[in-house]
Amino acid sequence: MTNIDYVRSHIALPTECFAASVNTSPADQQTFRAAIALLDAQNDMSDVAKCQVLGIQLLNLIGFDVLNAAISALGPEIKFP
C-alpha cells in the first residue's frame, strides 16, 4: 500500500475490490465496512497506518490478486499526487 492515500482510497478501493470479487458476500462486505468505520474514527492513528490496516483487511478478505488489480485500475485516483 505504498504511495496510497488513505483519504482518497478508503472508499474507492474496497468498492473496486468488491465489484471485482465474486466470492465476497454482502455480510462480509458489511462487516468490512463496519471495521473501516471504526478505523476512520481513530484520531490517534496516522493515515499511513490506517492505509496499511485497510490493505491488510482487504488482503485477508479478497486476496492479493484482486487487491493488486484494484490498485492498478484506480491508479492515480487513490495515489498521492
Protein backbone atom coordinates (compact mmCIF):
# COMPACT_ATOMS: atom_id res chain seq x y z
CA MET A 1 0.00 0.00 0.00
CA THR A 2 2.94 2.28 -0.70
CA ASN A 3 2.04 5.74 -2.01
CA ILE A 4 -1.68 5.09 -1.49
CA ASP A 5 -3.59 7.99 0.09
CA TYR A 6 -5.96 6.70 2.78
CA VAL A 7 -8.40 9.59 2.42
CA ARG A 8 -8.66 9.01 -1.34
CA SER A 9 -8.72 5.20 -1.16
CA HIS A 10 -10.74 4.10 1.88
CA ILE A 11 -14.00 4.13 -0.09
CA ALA A 12 -12.88 3.70 -3.70
CA LEU A 13 -10.51 0.78 -3.14
CA PRO A 14 -12.90 -1.51 -1.23
CA THR A 15 -15.67 -0.68 -3.69
CA GLU A 16 -13.47 -1.66 -6.63
CA CYS A 17 -12.34 -4.83 -4.84
CA PHE A 18 -15.88 -5.93 -4.02
CA ALA A 19 -17.01 -5.27 -7.59
CA ALA A 20 -14.19 -7.46 -8.89
CA SER A 21 -14.61 -10.25 -6.33
CA VAL A 22 -17.33 -12.83 -6.85
CA ASN A 23 -16.68 -14.55 -3.51
CA THR A 24 -17.34 -11.70 -1.09
CA SER A 25 -20.78 -11.97 0.47
CA PRO A 26 -22.87 -8.92 1.36
CA ALA A 27 -22.45 -9.86 5.03
CA ASP A 28 -18.65 -9.91 4.68
CA GLN A 29 -18.76 -6.54 2.92
CA GLN A 30 -20.91 -5.07 5.69
CA THR A 31 -18.55 -6.41 8.38
CA PHE A 32 -15.60 -4.94 6.49
CA ARG A 33 -17.28 -1.54 6.14
CA ALA A 34 -18.06 -1.50 9.88
CA ALA A 35 -14.40 -2.22 10.65
CA ILE A 36 -13.29 0.59 8.36
CA ALA A 37 -15.75 2.98 10.01
CA LEU A 38 -14.06 2.19 13.33
CA LEU A 39 -10.69 2.76 11.70
CA ASP A 40 -11.83 6.14 10.37
CA ALA A 41 -12.75 7.16 13.92
CA GLN A 42 -9.21 6.53 15.20
CA ASN A 43 -7.85 10.04 15.61
CA ASP A 44 -4.61 8.79 17.15
CA MET A 45 -3.55 6.83 14.04
CA SER A 46 -1.80 8.34 11.05
CA ASP A 47 -3.31 7.98 7.61
CA VAL A 48 -0.28 5.88 6.65
CA ALA A 49 -1.07 3.40 9.43
CA LYS A 50 -4.77 3.43 8.53
CA CYS A 51 -3.87 2.68 4.92
CA GLN A 52 -1.77 -0.29 5.97
CA VAL A 53 -4.66 -1.67 8.02
CA LEU A 54 -7.02 -1.09 5.10
CA GLY A 55 -4.70 -3.08 2.84
CA ILE A 56 -4.34 -5.93 5.31
CA GLN A 57 -8.09 -6.13 5.83
CA LEU A 58 -8.71 -6.23 2.07
CA LEU A 59 -5.91 -8.72 1.53
CA ASN A 60 -7.41 -11.08 4.10
CA LEU A 61 -10.88 -10.74 2.60
CA ILE A 62 -10.33 -10.74 -1.17
CA GLY A 63 -6.72 -11.80 -1.74
CA PHE A 64 -3.61 -10.33 -3.31
CA ASP A 65 -4.58 -10.64 -6.97
CA VAL A 66 -7.88 -8.77 -6.64
CA LEU A 67 -6.33 -6.12 -4.39
CA ASN A 68 -3.43 -5.58 -6.75
CA ALA A 69 -5.75 -5.37 -9.77
CA ALA A 70 -7.95 -2.82 -7.98
CA ILE A 71 -4.95 -0.66 -7.06
CA SER A 72 -3.77 -0.77 -10.68
CA ALA A 73 -7.25 0.01 -12.02
CA LEU A 74 -7.73 3.01 -9.74
CA GLY A 75 -4.17 4.23 -10.23
CA PRO A 76 -3.77 7.96 -9.78
CA GLU A 77 -7.24 8.31 -8.27
CA ILE A 78 -6.05 6.75 -5.00
CA LYS A 79 -2.35 7.53 -5.02
CA PHE A 80 -0.66 10.61 -3.63
CA PRO A 81 -0.33 13.33 -6.28
